[in-house]
């Protein structure tokens, strides 16, 4: 294993926190290669008319830097 780097990503979903985390990884993987792990740092949600309308996550994504 070489050098690892960590980036912070915010993502959301109307399905749930797990889906929001998947969205974060899917979006980051479009430009970041060699993703090794994701750490969910924070979870939150927005409420509309007494119901959760958006699930939000703040994640840290770790990836290996190419040599």
PDB file of N, CA and C in Angstrom:
ATOM      1  N   UNK A   1       0.847  -1.174   0.000  1.00  0.00           N
ATOM      2  CA  UNK A   1       0.000   0.000   0.000  1.00  0.00           C
ATOM      3  C   UNK A   1       0.891   1.235   0.000  1.00  0.00           C
ATOM      4  N   UNK A   2       0.508   2.217  -0.823  1.00  0.00           N
ATOM      5  CA  UNK A   2       1.282   3.441  -0.940  1.00  0.00           C
ATOM      6  C   UNK A   2       0.731   4.544  -0.052  1.00  0.00           C
ATOM      7  N   UNK A   3       0.725   5.741  -0.585  1.00  0.00           N
ATOM      8  CA  UNK A   3       0.249   6.910   0.141  1.00  0.00           C
ATOM      9  C   UNK A   3      -1.260   7.028  -0.027  1.00  0.00           C
ATOM     10  N   UNK A   4      -1.943   7.303   1.082  1.00  0.00           N
ATOM     11  CA  UNK A   4      -3.394   7.464   1.059  1.00  0.00           C
ATOM     12  C   UNK A   4      -3.759   8.917   1.288  1.00  0.00           C
ATOM     13  N   UNK A   5      -4.864   9.330   0.689  1.00  0.00           N
ATOM     14  CA  UNK A   5      -5.365  10.688   0.853  1.00  0.00           C
ATOM     15  C   UNK A   5      -6.836  10.607   1.251  1.00  0.00           C
ATOM     16  N   UNK A   6      -7.309  11.604   1.999  1.00  0.00           N
ATOM     17  CA  UNK A   6      -8.702  11.635   2.461  1.00  0.00           C
ATOM     18  C   UNK A   6      -9.353  12.925   1.966  1.00  0.00           C
ATOM     19  N   UNK A   7     -10.547  12.781   1.397  1.00  0.00           N
ATOM     20  CA  UNK A   7     -11.341  13.946   1.013  1.00  0.00           C
ATOM     21  C   UNK A   7     -12.677  13.887   1.747  1.00  0.00           C
ATOM     22  N   UNK A   8     -13.282  15.024   1.918  1.00  0.00           N
ATOM     23  CA  UNK A   8     -14.575  15.107   2.582  1.00  0.00           C
ATOM     24  C   UNK A   8     -15.638  15.418   1.531  1.00  0.00           C
ATOM     25  N   UNK A   9     -16.732  14.655   1.559  1.00  0.00           N
ATOM     26  CA  UNK A   9     -17.791  14.795   0.568  1.00  0.00           C
ATOM     27  C   UNK A   9     -19.139  14.870   1.280  1.00  0.00           C
ATOM     28  N   UNK A  10     -20.000  15.759   0.810  1.00  0.00           N
ATOM     29  CA  UNK A  10     -21.371  15.859   1.296  1.00  0.00           C
ATOM     30  C   UNK A  10     -22.282  15.304   0.218  1.00  0.00           C
ATOM     31  N   UNK A  11     -23.267  14.486   0.616  1.00  0.00           N
ATOM     32  CA  UNK A  11     -24.194  13.905  -0.358  1.00  0.00           C
ATOM     33  C   UNK A  11     -25.563  13.756   0.285  1.00  0.00           C
ATOM     34  N   UNK A  12     -26.573  13.579  -0.574  1.00  0.00           N
ATOM     35  CA  UNK A  12     -27.920  13.399  -0.042  1.00  0.00           C
ATOM     36  C   UNK A  12     -28.689  12.358  -0.841  1.00  0.00           C
ATOM     37  N   UNK A  13     -29.852  11.979  -0.314  1.00  0.00           N
ATOM     38  CA  UNK A  13     -30.731  11.010  -0.951  1.00  0.00           C
ATOM     39  C   UNK A  13     -32.129  11.180  -0.373  1.00  0.00           C
ATOM     40  N   UNK A  14     -33.123  10.839  -1.145  1.00  0.00           N
ATOM     41  CA  UNK A  14     -34.485  10.847  -0.597  1.00  0.00           C
ATOM     42  C   UNK A  14     -34.887   9.458  -0.116  1.00  0.00           C
ATOM     43  N   UNK A  15     -33.974   8.470  -0.215  1.00  0.00           N
ATOM     44  CA  UNK A  15     -34.255   7.088   0.202  1.00  0.00           C
ATOM     45  C   UNK A  15     -33.743   6.768   1.602  1.00  0.00           C
ATOM     46  N   UNK A  16     -32.530   7.234   1.941  1.00  0.00           N
ATOM     47  CA  UNK A  16     -31.966   6.924   3.252  1.00  0.00           C
ATOM     48  C   UNK A  16     -30.498   7.279   3.327  1.00  0.00           C
ATOM     49  N   UNK A  17     -29.927   7.124   4.537  1.00  0.00           N
ATOM     50  CA  UNK A  17     -28.531   7.477   4.754  1.00  0.00           C
ATOM     51  C   UNK A  17     -27.579   6.553   3.989  1.00  0.00           C
ATOM     52  N   UNK A  18     -27.904   5.266   3.937  1.00  0.00           N
ATOM     53  CA  UNK A  18     -27.046   4.342   3.188  1.00  0.00           C
ATOM     54  C   UNK A  18     -26.985   4.723   1.719  1.00  0.00           C
ATOM     55  N   UNK A  19     -28.128   5.096   1.161  1.00  0.00           N
ATOM     56  CA  UNK A  19     -28.173   5.506  -0.233  1.00  0.00           C
ATOM     57  C   UNK A  19     -27.391   6.801  -0.437  1.00  0.00           C
ATOM     58  N   UNK A  20     -27.469   7.711   0.519  1.00  0.00           N
ATOM     59  CA  UNK A  20     -26.699   8.952   0.434  1.00  0.00           C
ATOM     60  C   UNK A  20     -25.200   8.647   0.433  1.00  0.00           C
ATOM     61  N   UNK A  21     -24.760   7.694   1.264  1.00  0.00           N
ATOM     62  CA  UNK A  21     -23.340   7.307   1.287  1.00  0.00           C
ATOM     63  C   UNK A  21     -22.944   6.672  -0.046  1.00  0.00           C
ATOM     64  N   UNK A  22     -23.819   5.835  -0.602  1.00  0.00           N
ATOM     65  CA  UNK A  22     -23.549   5.252  -1.918  1.00  0.00           C
ATOM     66  C   UNK A  22     -23.417   6.347  -2.982  1.00  0.00           C
ATOM     67  N   UNK A  23     -24.290   7.347  -2.899  1.00  0.00           N
ATOM     68  CA  UNK A  23     -24.230   8.464  -3.853  1.00  0.00           C
ATOM     69  C   UNK A  23     -22.907   9.204  -3.748  1.00  0.00           C
ATOM     70  N   UNK A  24     -22.424   9.393  -2.525  1.00  0.00           N
ATOM     71  CA  UNK A  24     -21.147  10.085  -2.322  1.00  0.00           C
ATOM     72  C   UNK A  24     -20.008   9.312  -2.980  1.00  0.00           C
ATOM     73  N   UNK A  25     -19.970   8.002  -2.766  1.00  0.00           N
ATOM     74  CA  UNK A  25     -18.903   7.179  -3.339  1.00  0.00           C
ATOM     75  C   UNK A  25     -19.033   7.130  -4.864  1.00  0.00           C
ATOM     76  N   UNK A  26     -20.254   6.971  -5.354  1.00  0.00           N
ATOM     77  CA  UNK A  26     -20.460   6.895  -6.806  1.00  0.00           C
ATOM     78  C   UNK A  26     -20.028   8.184  -7.488  1.00  0.00           C
ATOM     79  N   UNK A  27     -20.383   9.307  -6.901  1.00  0.00           N
ATOM     80  CA  UNK A  27     -20.016  10.589  -7.505  1.00  0.00           C
ATOM     81  C   UNK A  27     -18.513  10.825  -7.425  1.00  0.00           C
ATOM     82  N   UNK A  28     -17.906  10.529  -6.278  1.00  0.00           N
ATOM     83  CA  UNK A  28     -16.455  10.724  -6.126  1.00  0.00           C
ATOM     84  C   UNK A  28     -15.681   9.808  -7.063  1.00  0.00           C
ATOM     85  N   UNK A  29     -16.178   8.597  -7.288  1.00  0.00           N
ATOM     86  CA  UNK A  29     -15.445   7.637  -8.124  1.00  0.00           C
ATOM     87  C   UNK A  29     -15.410   8.038  -9.597  1.00  0.00           C
ATOM     88  N   UNK A  30     -16.188   9.045  -9.985  1.00  0.00           N
ATOM     89  CA  UNK A  30     -16.123   9.531 -11.360  1.00  0.00           C
ATOM     90  C   UNK A  30     -14.792  10.228 -11.646  1.00  0.00           C
ATOM     91  N   UNK A  31     -14.194  10.821 -10.609  1.00  0.00           N
ATOM     92  CA  UNK A  31     -12.930  11.536 -10.800  1.00  0.00           C
ATOM     93  C   UNK A  31     -11.796  11.027  -9.904  1.00  0.00           C
ATOM     94  N   UNK A  32     -12.121  10.265  -8.887  1.00  0.00           N
ATOM     95  CA  UNK A  32     -11.117   9.752  -7.950  1.00  0.00           C
ATOM     96  C   UNK A  32     -10.998   8.244  -8.137  1.00  0.00           C
ATOM     97  N   UNK A  33      -9.791   7.778  -8.364  1.00  0.00           N
ATOM     98  CA  UNK A  33      -9.551   6.345  -8.556  1.00  0.00           C
ATOM     99  C   UNK A  33      -8.967   5.735  -7.281  1.00  0.00           C
ATOM    100  N   UNK A  34      -9.060   4.435  -7.174  1.00  0.00           N
ATOM    101  CA  UNK A  34      -8.464   3.653  -6.089  1.00  0.00           C
ATOM    102  C   UNK A  34      -9.077   3.986  -4.723  1.00  0.00           C
ATOM    103  N   UNK A  35     -10.393   4.180  -4.679  1.00  0.00           N
ATOM    104  CA  UNK A  35     -11.068   4.430  -3.395  1.00  0.00           C
ATOM    105  C   UNK A  35     -10.961   3.167  -2.554  1.00  0.00           C
ATOM    106  N   UNK A  36     -10.544   3.347  -1.311  1.00  0.00           N
ATOM    107  CA  UNK A  36     -10.321   2.208  -0.409  1.00  0.00           C
ATOM    108  C   UNK A  36     -11.384   2.102   0.690  1.00  0.00           C
ATOM    109  N   UNK A  37     -11.907   3.247   1.162  1.00  0.00           N
ATOM    110  CA  UNK A  37     -12.895   3.180   2.243  1.00  0.00           C
ATOM    111  C   UNK A  37     -13.696   4.466   2.315  1.00  0.00           C
ATOM    112  N   UNK A  38     -14.817   4.381   3.016  1.00  0.00           N
ATOM    113  CA  UNK A  38     -15.656   5.547   3.269  1.00  0.00           C
ATOM    114  C   UNK A  38     -16.034   5.523   4.745  1.00  0.00           C
ATOM    115  N   UNK A  39     -15.930   6.664   5.392  1.00  0.00           N
ATOM    116  CA  UNK A  39     -16.260   6.816   6.803  1.00  0.00           C
ATOM    117  C   UNK A  39     -17.383   7.841   6.919  1.00  0.00           C
ATOM    118  N   UNK A  40     -18.528   7.421   7.441  1.00  0.00           N
ATOM    119  CA  UNK A  40     -19.649   8.341   7.611  1.00  0.00           C
ATOM    120  C   UNK A  40     -19.392   9.139   8.884  1.00  0.00           C
ATOM    121  N   UNK A  41     -19.130  10.425   8.687  1.00  0.00           N
ATOM    122  CA  UNK A  41     -18.788  11.290   9.810  1.00  0.00           C
ATOM    123  C   UNK A  41     -20.042  11.860  10.472  1.00  0.00           C
ATOM    124  N   UNK A  42     -20.997  12.319   9.674  1.00  0.00           N
ATOM    125  CA  UNK A  42     -22.221  12.917  10.207  1.00  0.00           C
ATOM    126  C   UNK A  42     -23.417  12.502   9.377  1.00  0.00           C
ATOM    127  N   UNK A  43     -24.574  12.443  10.028  1.00  0.00           N
ATOM    128  CA  UNK A  43     -25.834  12.197   9.351  1.00  0.00           C
ATOM    129  C   UNK A  43     -26.809  13.284   9.772  1.00  0.00           C
ATOM    130  N   UNK A  44     -27.624  13.749   8.821  1.00  0.00           N
ATOM    131  CA  UNK A  44     -28.664  14.715   9.145  1.00  0.00           C
ATOM    132  C   UNK A  44     -29.798  14.517   8.146  1.00  0.00           C
ATOM    133  N   UNK A  45     -30.880  15.227   8.367  1.00  0.00           N
ATOM    134  CA  UNK A  45     -32.022  15.113   7.467  1.00  0.00           C
ATOM    135  C   UNK A  45     -32.782  16.433   7.445  1.00  0.00           C
ATOM    136  N   UNK A  46     -33.464  16.674   6.334  1.00  0.00           N
ATOM    137  CA  UNK A  46     -34.353  17.823   6.255  1.00  0.00           C
ATOM    138  C   UNK A  46     -35.791  17.306   6.368  1.00  0.00           C
ATOM    139  N   UNK A  47     -36.631  18.130   6.939  1.00  0.00           N
ATOM    140  CA  UNK A  47     -38.024  17.733   7.176  1.00  0.00           C
ATOM    141  C   UNK A  47     -38.944  18.700   6.445  1.00  0.00           C
ATOM    142  N   UNK A  48     -39.914  18.134   5.741  1.00  0.00           N
ATOM    143  CA  UNK A  48     -40.933  18.914   5.046  1.00  0.00           C
ATOM    144  C   UNK A  48     -42.304  18.351   5.411  1.00  0.00           C
ATOM    145  N   UNK A  49     -43.181  19.207   5.881  1.00  0.00           N
ATOM    146  CA  UNK A  49     -44.547  18.793   6.263  1.00  0.00           C
ATOM    147  C   UNK A  49     -44.547  17.632   7.261  1.00  0.00           C
ATOM    148  N   UNK A  50     -43.621  17.679   8.209  1.00  0.00           N
ATOM    149  CA  UNK A  50     -43.581  16.675   9.267  1.00  0.00           C
ATOM    150  C   UNK A  50     -42.961  15.346   8.874  1.00  0.00           C
ATOM    151  N   UNK A  51     -42.369  15.261   7.675  1.00  0.00           N
ATOM    152  CA  UNK A  51     -41.735  14.012   7.235  1.00  0.00           C
ATOM    153  C   UNK A  51     -40.340  14.303   6.697  1.00  0.00           C
ATOM    154  N   UNK A  52     -39.467  13.311   6.832  1.00  0.00           N
ATOM    155  CA  UNK A  52     -38.111  13.461   6.299  1.00  0.00           C
ATOM    156  C   UNK A  52     -38.185  13.510   4.780  1.00  0.00           C
ATOM    157  N   UNK A  53     -37.596  14.558   4.215  1.00  0.00           N
ATOM    158  CA  UNK A  53     -37.607  14.698   2.764  1.00  0.00           C
ATOM    159  C   UNK A  53     -36.241  14.419   2.136  1.00  0.00           C
ATOM    160  N   UNK A  54     -35.162  14.658   2.870  1.00  0.00           N
ATOM    161  CA  UNK A  54     -33.817  14.396   2.371  1.00  0.00           C
ATOM    162  C   UNK A  54     -32.928  13.876   3.495  1.00  0.00           C
ATOM    163  N   UNK A  55     -32.215  12.803   3.211  1.00  0.00           N
ATOM    164  CA  UNK A  55     -31.207  12.270   4.127  1.00  0.00           C
ATOM    165  C   UNK A  55     -29.858  12.796   3.652  1.00  0.00           C
ATOM    166  N   UNK A  56     -29.051  13.278   4.577  1.00  0.00           N
ATOM    167  CA  UNK A  56     -27.756  13.861   4.217  1.00  0.00           C
ATOM    168  C   UNK A  56     -26.639  13.193   5.007  1.00  0.00           C
ATOM    169  N   UNK A  57     -25.509  13.015   4.344  1.00  0.00           N
ATOM    170  CA  UNK A  57     -24.326  12.468   5.016  1.00  0.00           C
ATOM    171  C   UNK A  57     -23.112  13.319   4.690  1.00  0.00           C
ATOM    172  N   UNK A  58     -22.228  13.389   5.640  1.00  0.00           N
ATOM    173  CA  UNK A  58     -20.912  13.993   5.471  1.00  0.00           C
ATOM    174  C   UNK A  58     -19.945  12.828   5.632  1.00  0.00           C
ATOM    175  N   UNK A  59     -19.241  12.475   4.558  1.00  0.00           N
ATOM    176  CA  UNK A  59     -18.366  11.306   4.600  1.00  0.00           C
ATOM    177  C   UNK A  59     -16.920  11.681   4.300  1.00  0.00           C
ATOM    178  N   UNK A  60     -16.026  10.860   4.787  1.00  0.00           N
ATOM    179  CA  UNK A  60     -14.622  10.978   4.452  1.00  0.00           C
ATOM    180  C   UNK A  60     -14.276   9.761   3.573  1.00  0.00           C
ATOM    181  N   UNK A  61     -13.745  10.055   2.394  1.00  0.00           N
ATOM    182  CA  UNK A  61     -13.407   9.005   1.447  1.00  0.00           C
ATOM    183  C   UNK A  61     -11.886   8.907   1.368  1.00  0.00           C
ATOM    184  N   UNK A  62     -11.374   7.699   1.569  1.00  0.00           N
ATOM    185  CA  UNK A  62      -9.930   7.448   1.528  1.00  0.00           C
ATOM    186  C   UNK A  62      -9.579   6.752   0.217  1.00  0.00           C
ATOM    187  N   UNK A  63      -8.544   7.261  -0.435  1.00  0.00           N
ATOM    188  CA  UNK A  63      -8.109   6.635  -1.683  1.00  0.00           C
ATOM    189  C   UNK A  63      -6.590   6.628  -1.754  1.00  0.00           C
ATOM    190  N   UNK A  64      -6.081   5.710  -2.568  1.00  0.00           N
ATOM    191  CA  UNK A  64      -4.630   5.567  -2.727  1.00  0.00           C
ATOM    192  C   UNK A  64      -4.159   6.451  -3.867  1.00  0.00           C
ATOM    193  N   UNK A  65      -3.071   7.156  -3.641  1.00  0.00           N
ATOM    194  CA  UNK A  65      -2.482   8.002  -4.671  1.00  0.00           C
ATOM    195  C   UNK A  65      -1.566   7.153  -5.538  1.00  0.00           C
ATOM    196  N   UNK A  66      -1.718   7.308  -6.858  1.00  0.00           N
ATOM    197  CA  UNK A  66      -0.882   6.563  -7.782  1.00  0.00           C
ATOM    198  C   UNK A  66       0.556   7.065  -7.725  1.00  0.00           C
ATOM    199  N   UNK A  67       1.486   6.156  -7.870  1.00  0.00           N
ATOM    200  CA  UNK A  67       2.906   6.529  -7.874  1.00  0.00           C
ATOM    201  C   UNK A  67       3.419   6.663  -9.273  1.00  0.00           C
TER     202      UNK A  67
END
